[in-house]
Each structure stands twice: as C-alpha cells, then as structure tokens.
Protein backbone atom coordinates (compact mmCIF):
# COMPACT_ATOMS: atom_id res chain seq x y z
CA MET A 1 82.11 101.94 72.86
CA GLY A 2 82.15 105.31 73.79
CA GLY A 3 82.94 107.12 77.32
CA VAL A 4 86.30 107.14 78.18
CA SER A 5 89.15 106.19 75.59
CA ILE A 6 92.63 104.71 76.42
CA GLN A 7 94.89 102.97 74.24
CA ARG A 8 97.55 100.35 75.13
CA ILE A 9 101.08 100.48 76.09
CA PRO A 10 102.50 97.43 76.94
CA PHE A 11 99.48 96.89 79.16
CA ALA A 12 96.55 98.30 77.11
CA MET A 13 93.92 99.94 79.46
CA LYS A 14 95.80 100.09 82.99
CA PHE A 15 92.87 102.51 83.87
CA LEU A 16 89.39 101.05 82.92
CA PRO A 17 89.09 102.85 82.57
CA GLN A 18 91.47 101.83 84.58
CA ILE A 19 90.55 102.97 87.59
CA ALA A 20 93.48 103.09 90.16
CA CYS A 21 95.82 106.07 90.83
CA LEU A 22 99.38 106.53 90.17
CA LEU A 23 101.79 108.18 92.59
CA LEU A 24 101.55 111.78 91.36
CA CYS A 25 98.16 113.09 93.32
CA LEU A 26 98.75 116.56 94.75
CA LEU A 27 95.97 115.52 97.52
CA PRO A 28 95.14 112.55 99.34
CA ALA A 29 92.75 110.73 96.94
CA VAL A 30 90.11 109.97 100.12
CA VAL A 31 89.57 113.86 100.40
CA GLY A 32 86.31 115.15 98.73
CA LEU A 33 87.57 118.51 97.23
CA THR A 34 85.02 121.07 97.02
CA ASN A 35 87.62 123.62 95.98
CA PRO A 36 90.64 123.68 93.19
CA PRO A 37 93.85 122.91 94.20
CA ALA A 38 96.68 125.61 94.25
CA GLY A 39 97.58 126.17 90.87
CA ALA A 40 94.84 124.25 88.99
CA LYS A 41 92.98 125.11 86.20
CA VAL A 42 89.31 125.63 87.02
CA VAL A 43 86.37 124.40 85.04
CA ARG A 44 83.12 126.48 85.72
CA GLN A 45 80.10 125.74 83.58
CA THR A 46 78.12 128.72 84.67
CA GLY A 47 79.30 132.14 86.21
CA THR A 48 82.97 131.35 84.43
CA GLN A 49 85.54 133.80 86.10
CA SER A 50 88.27 135.20 84.82
CA GLY A 51 91.00 132.91 84.08
CA GLU A 52 88.63 129.65 84.02
CA TYR A 53 87.29 127.74 81.52
CA SER A 54 83.64 126.76 80.55
CA THR A 55 84.48 123.61 79.27
CA VAL A 56 86.53 120.66 80.48
CA SER A 57 88.06 120.58 76.63
CA ALA A 58 89.02 124.08 76.65
CA ALA A 59 91.07 123.96 79.91
CA VAL A 60 92.74 120.54 78.68
CA ALA A 61 93.85 122.13 75.55
CA SER A 62 95.24 125.23 77.55
CA LEU A 63 98.13 122.78 78.65
CA SER A 64 101.14 122.98 77.27
CA GLY A 65 104.66 121.58 78.23
CA THR A 66 105.65 118.18 80.55
CA SER A 67 104.98 119.80 84.00
CA SER A 68 102.76 118.27 86.72
CA ALA A 69 99.12 119.64 85.74
CA VAL A 70 95.98 119.37 87.89
CA ILE A 71 92.27 120.34 86.64
CA PHE A 72 89.61 120.76 88.99
CA ILE A 73 85.78 120.80 87.99
CA TYR A 74 82.88 122.54 89.31
CA PRO A 75 79.48 120.86 89.48
CA GLY A 76 77.58 120.43 86.38
CA THR A 77 76.85 118.36 83.60
CA TYR A 78 79.54 119.11 80.63
CA HIS A 79 78.29 117.68 77.02
CA GLU A 80 81.61 117.39 75.20
CA GLN A 81 83.96 114.81 73.83
CA VAL A 82 87.45 115.28 75.82
CA LEU A 83 90.85 114.49 74.32
CA ILE A 84 93.27 114.01 76.70
CA ASN A 85 96.70 114.37 75.21
CA TYR A 86 98.83 116.13 77.50
CA GLY A 87 102.65 115.32 77.52
CA GLY A 88 102.88 115.45 81.27
CA PRO A 89 101.38 114.01 84.51
CA LEU A 90 97.74 115.46 84.78
CA THR A 91 94.90 114.70 87.20
CA ILE A 92 91.52 115.93 86.89
CA TYR A 93 89.65 116.21 90.39
CA GLY A 94 85.37 116.66 90.00
CA TYR A 95 83.75 118.49 92.91
CA SER A 96 82.74 116.16 95.66
CA THR A 97 82.21 116.25 99.34
CA ASP A 98 83.44 112.72 99.32
CA GLY A 99 86.59 111.59 97.37
CA VAL A 100 86.09 107.64 98.29
CA SER A 101 82.49 106.80 96.76
CA TYR A 102 81.23 107.83 93.28
CA LYS A 103 77.86 108.15 94.46
CA ASN A 104 78.74 111.84 95.72
CA ASN A 105 79.96 112.76 92.34
CA GLN A 106 78.67 116.19 91.07
CA VAL A 107 80.36 116.32 87.98
CA THR A 108 79.21 114.69 84.64
CA ILE A 109 80.87 114.44 81.39
CA THR A 110 78.45 113.35 78.73
CA ASN A 111 78.07 112.70 74.78
CA ASN A 112 76.24 110.13 72.57
CA LEU A 113 78.36 109.25 69.57
CA ASN A 114 78.65 105.40 68.75
CA ALA A 115 81.68 103.55 66.68
CA GLN A 116 80.14 103.00 63.61
CA ASP A 117 79.70 106.98 62.20
CA ASN A 118 82.84 108.04 63.72
CA GLY A 119 85.57 105.89 63.24
CA GLY A 120 85.86 103.25 66.07
CA ASN A 121 85.87 102.82 69.73
CA ASP A 122 88.32 105.36 70.63
CA PRO A 123 86.61 108.28 68.42
CA CYS A 124 83.66 108.07 69.63
CA ALA A 125 84.35 108.19 73.22
CA THR A 126 83.43 110.56 75.67
CA VAL A 127 86.83 111.04 77.34
CA ARG A 128 89.71 109.73 75.29
CA ALA A 129 92.49 109.18 77.46
CA HIS A 130 95.98 109.41 75.44
CA SER A 131 98.06 110.76 78.21
CA PRO A 132 100.33 107.71 79.56
CA ASP A 133 100.21 109.60 83.31
CA PHE A 134 96.68 110.27 83.77
CA LYS A 135 94.39 110.32 86.82
CA MET A 136 90.46 111.47 87.31
CA TYR A 137 88.83 111.54 90.78
CA ASN A 138 84.93 111.95 91.17
CA VAL A 139 83.56 112.27 87.47
CA ILE A 140 80.87 110.56 86.23
CA VAL A 141 81.20 109.71 82.34
CA LYS A 142 78.79 109.14 80.23
CA ASN A 143 77.78 107.77 76.93
CA THR A 144 73.88 108.33 76.27
CA LEU A 145 73.47 106.70 72.81
CA ARG A 146 70.52 104.57 73.35
CA VAL A 147 70.18 102.60 70.07
CA LYS A 148 72.33 99.12 69.23
CA ASP A 149 75.41 100.75 68.11
CA THR A 150 78.58 100.27 69.69
CA MET A 151 79.50 103.13 72.03
CA ALA A 152 82.15 103.39 74.70
CA ALA A 153 82.20 105.30 77.96
CA PRO A 154 85.84 105.62 78.89
CA SER A 155 88.02 104.55 76.35
CA PRO A 156 92.10 104.27 77.28
CA ALA A 157 94.74 104.55 74.92
CA THR A 158 97.71 104.28 77.20
CA ARG A 159 99.38 102.59 79.66
CA THR A 160 98.43 104.22 83.15
CA PRO A 161 95.48 106.49 82.77
CA SER A 162 93.45 106.00 86.19
CA LEU A 163 89.90 106.60 87.27
CA PRO A 164 89.43 106.10 90.84
CA THR A 165 86.03 106.95 92.09
CA ALA A 166 84.75 107.48 88.43
CA GLN A 167 81.49 106.48 87.14
CA ALA A 168 81.28 105.21 83.67
CA ILE A 169 77.52 104.38 82.21
CA ASN A 170 76.32 103.88 78.84
CA THR A 171 73.12 102.37 78.03
CA THR A 172 73.77 98.66 78.35
CA ALA A 173 75.12 98.55 81.45
CA THR A 174 77.59 100.67 84.37
CA ALA A 175 80.88 99.46 85.27
CA ILE A 176 82.74 101.42 88.53
CA SER A 177 85.63 100.50 90.55
CA LYS A 178 87.60 101.74 92.79
CA GLU A 179 90.84 100.37 91.09
CA ARG A 180 89.70 100.22 87.12
CA LEU A 181 86.94 101.10 84.83
CA THR A 182 85.63 98.78 82.36
CA THR A 183 82.74 99.36 79.69
CA SER A 184 80.39 96.76 78.74
CA THR A 185 80.51 96.37 75.04
CA ALA A 186 83.74 96.32 72.88
CA PRO A 187 87.56 97.25 73.55
CA PRO A 188 89.47 98.15 75.44
CA GLN A 189 89.98 94.90 76.71
CA HIS A 190 91.50 95.05 79.97
CA GLY A 191 89.73 95.81 83.00
CA LEU A 192 88.76 94.99 86.77
CA ALA A 193 85.59 96.46 88.29
CA ASN A 194 84.70 96.02 91.79
CA ALA A 195 81.37 97.81 91.97
CA PRO A 196 77.56 98.24 90.94
CA LEU A 197 77.09 97.26 86.98
CA LEU A 198 73.41 98.69 86.37
CA ARG A 199 71.38 97.21 83.37
CA LEU A 200 68.76 98.94 81.57
CA ALA A 201 67.58 96.50 79.23
CA GLY A 202 68.58 92.39 78.72
CA GLY A 203 71.70 91.35 77.12
CA ALA A 204 75.23 90.92 77.90
CA VAL A 205 77.14 92.69 80.83
CA THR A 206 80.34 92.29 78.84
CA ALA A 207 81.69 91.65 75.62
CA ASN A 208 85.34 91.53 75.84
CA SER A 209 87.21 92.21 72.40
CA ARG A 210 90.69 89.68 72.98
CA ASN A 211 91.62 88.56 70.03
CA SER A 212 95.14 86.75 70.33
CA ALA A 213 96.05 84.13 72.68
CA THR A 214 99.24 86.25 73.34
CA ASP A 215 96.99 89.29 74.66
CA PRO A 216 97.03 89.59 78.20
CA GLY A 217 93.93 91.54 78.16
CA TYR A 218 90.91 90.41 80.64
CA TYR A 219 87.64 91.85 82.07
CA VAL A 220 87.57 90.83 85.52
CA ILE A 221 84.81 91.60 87.41
CA ASP A 222 85.44 91.38 91.15
CA SER A 223 83.06 92.09 94.04
CA SER A 224 80.54 93.82 92.11
CA VAL A 225 76.70 93.89 91.92
CA ILE A 226 74.51 93.57 88.98
CA THR A 227 71.32 95.11 89.13
CA SER A 228 68.57 96.66 87.35
CA ALA A 229 68.49 100.15 86.51
CA THR A 230 64.63 99.73 84.78
CA SER A 231 61.31 99.28 85.88
CA THR A 232 60.87 96.86 83.09
CA SER A 233 61.44 93.12 84.58
CA LEU A 234 64.62 91.44 83.32
CA THR A 235 64.65 88.56 85.18
CA GLY A 236 66.35 85.78 83.01
CA LYS A 237 67.19 88.10 80.03
CA VAL A 238 70.71 89.29 80.85
CA TYR A 239 73.95 87.52 80.10
CA LEU A 240 77.36 87.87 81.77
CA GLY A 241 78.89 88.49 78.79
CA ARG A 242 79.37 87.34 74.82
CA PRO A 243 82.77 87.38 72.65
CA TRP A 244 83.10 90.62 70.71
CA ARG A 245 86.20 88.90 69.44
CA PRO A 246 86.87 84.86 69.39
CA LEU A 247 89.35 85.04 71.79
CA ALA A 248 87.53 87.03 74.53
CA ARG A 249 88.24 86.17 78.39
CA VAL A 250 85.91 87.16 81.13
CA VAL A 251 86.17 86.56 84.78
CA PHE A 252 83.02 87.08 87.09
CA GLN A 253 84.43 86.41 90.87
CA ARG A 254 83.06 87.24 94.19
CA SER A 255 80.19 89.20 92.93
CA THR A 256 76.05 89.41 93.45
CA LEU A 257 74.40 87.67 90.40
CA PRO A 258 70.51 88.34 90.92
CA ASP A 259 67.99 86.35 89.05
CA LEU A 260 68.43 88.92 85.99
CA ILE A 261 71.28 86.42 85.00
CA ASN A 262 69.98 84.11 82.37
CA VAL A 263 70.87 79.93 83.59
CA ALA A 264 73.15 80.01 80.51
CA GLY A 265 75.17 82.46 81.85
CA TRP A 266 76.82 83.24 78.68
CA THR A 267 75.82 83.89 75.15
CA THR A 268 77.60 83.98 71.66
CA LEU A 269 78.47 86.73 69.27
CA ALA A 270 81.87 86.45 67.19
CA ALA A 271 81.76 83.76 64.63
CA ASN A 272 84.05 80.45 65.85
CA ALA A 273 84.75 82.16 68.88
CA THR A 274 86.45 79.85 71.55
CA PRO A 275 86.11 82.31 74.60
CA ILE A 276 87.31 81.93 78.07
CA PHE A 277 84.46 82.94 80.61
CA MET A 278 84.95 81.83 83.82
CA GLU A 279 83.12 82.19 87.41
CA TYR A 280 84.47 81.88 91.16
CA GLY A 281 83.04 82.57 94.24
CA ASN A 282 79.53 84.45 92.98
CA THR A 283 76.75 84.37 95.39
CA GLY A 284 73.01 85.26 94.41
CA ALA A 285 69.85 83.84 92.48
CA GLY A 286 71.75 83.90 89.28
CA ALA A 287 75.16 82.57 90.45
CA ASN A 288 74.21 78.77 89.75
CA THR A 289 76.55 77.26 87.18
CA ALA A 290 75.09 73.84 86.72
CA ALA A 291 73.23 75.06 83.67
CA ARG A 292 76.01 77.35 82.09
CA LYS A 293 77.51 77.40 78.36
CA TYR A 294 80.79 77.80 77.05
CA GLU A 295 82.13 78.21 80.95
CA THR A 296 85.62 77.43 81.85
CA PRO A 297 86.06 75.96 84.98
CA SER A 298 87.61 77.97 87.58
CA SER A 299 88.57 76.86 90.93
CA ALA A 300 90.66 80.24 92.20
CA GLN A 301 89.98 84.02 91.82
CA ILE A 302 91.86 86.32 89.17
CA THR A 303 94.47 88.77 91.20
CA HIS A 304 95.33 92.25 90.44
CA ALA A 305 98.91 91.23 89.43
CA GLN A 306 97.47 88.80 86.71
CA VAL A 307 95.35 91.47 85.44
CA LEU A 308 96.99 94.96 86.11
CA GLY A 309 100.47 93.72 85.86
CA SER A 310 103.14 92.82 87.94
CA ASP A 311 103.83 96.42 88.84
CA TYR A 312 100.17 97.58 89.92
CA SER A 313 101.30 98.37 93.25
CA THR A 314 103.70 101.45 91.59
CA TRP A 315 100.66 102.94 90.33
CA ILE A 316 97.58 102.32 91.84
CA ASP A 317 96.42 104.93 94.39
CA SER A 318 96.13 102.23 97.55
CA SER A 319 94.48 105.18 99.62
CA LEU A 320 91.08 104.39 98.14
C-alpha cells in the first residue's frame, strides 16, 4: 500500500492512519486554518518566501531537537514522498477553511510508488509516519499508482500518529476518518474509519494483514458509506474484504452498503486463511447477509477501545 506509513509501537497504526488526535494541538482542531500558527515552519509551493520551504519534505528535514513543532502547508499538490521521523511532537496543518471536514482540504501530497519495487508497504508509502507523537490535519494523501501492484496511502509506523480530517487515497479505495485512517490493501492492520470509501474498480475494499492470533489488530469500517467513483457499473463487483494474511480481521458496522457489494460479501486471497469477517447494523441494498461467505456472526458493534486501545481517550482529539 503506498500512501501514509505508520509503524507499530505496542498498538501499531494508532493513527490509520490513524486518525484521531493527541493532546498537543496548538490551535483547536475544529478551526480551519488559512494562515500559519505563530512559530510554524511554512511550506509554500509557489511564491516561496524567505525562510519558507517549497516541499513538505524540506520542512520536515529542517526540524531538529525534540521540542513541539508545527508545519503549515499552503494550497497545492505536492508530488513527493515524506518521511516523518522527528524526535518530538509534530503537528502538520494543511490550508483549509473548515477544520472538521476533509471536503475543504486544499493540500494534497501525492506519489505513485509500489511495494514490489520499493521494499514493501512502508518504503512505498507517500507519507511515512515514524514519529511517536505526530498529528496531521486537512491534508489529502494519495498513492495514484494505477496497476495491480500493492500500494499504500498513509503508512503508520509508530503508536500514535494521528491524521484527523485527513484523506488517504489509492486507486483501490479511499478511507477517511475523523478518528482513524485506514487504507484498503495490506498492512498496517489497525484501523477505524467512519467516512466515504470510494471504489474506482471491482475487487475488495479491504485486505487485512493480521497474521497472528495474538495480534490485536482490526480493520473496523464504522458509520461509512461505500460509493462508486467511476462511471463504469460496479454492481455486484465489490467485496467487503479479502484476507491478505490468514488471520485477517475486518468489521463493517453501521455503514451503508450499496448494490456494488457482491452478495457473498467476502472473497479469498491468502492460502488456508481463517479470517474473522463480521458485519453489524449495516443498511443498503448490499447489506443483506443471507448469502455471505466466510462470515463470523456478530451480535454487537466493535468499540473504540477494542480497536484503538483502552487509553484512546488520552490521545484522540475529541473536538472533531
């Protein structure tokens, strides 16, 4: 998967991209930002002024030490790969008139690397978040690779990267969340999304990479809407998920599943897989579970604490 890359500390992708925020916001997350906060490093693609940076990577590379840092990005599409490996708390704000909805984001970071040729999911990610205290608001992250190679939008590498009001896009699906960001193909495998999932083609929305019974990871798609992003008919051509690794665990709950969803719901991938695929409280023409395959019955919704850890309230930005 090649968009944002986040590695694990005890609870891997406490991001999904994670998407929730820790406590250190210098400005309220609900406020859209059109000007940089005081002391912020400034990224401006055109008309770069003295002391500013023309790329996000350059601004990140200029950071040193462990003090709290802020980067503000002016509107534009930034074609680059960004490694977030700062030793202190870091918040990145993209230009936006609305800090709550991703729909008003005016900053995009994009690249098109694949996993096969670049050493795996993390190395091919457009944004590689390796810092333990990282938050990003109002930024669209894309991997635009249009082949069947594995790619990643955000890739989480540490315990608490947070991407509220962010959007991760690859050509397989889009997962956006106020609380967590996930991508649609391989690891990282922790995620809680509640936002649109946009399909550009048939196939599986998720491909979870859980490979051990002791791994607490989930993909939980909560209060989301799956919609087509192409004029080509996808009716019955989309599956909720496939097991990228044998013990994949994915839940769709309280979401709108249209007729794009194949009646079988889930499909296969990894050999000898015994995945946990669950659905709870979904609606729409594709929500009927009578003909589902590989599904584990569910009688209750998955909670934030189950996916994000019991301490999630200490690092999620609850103002969103």
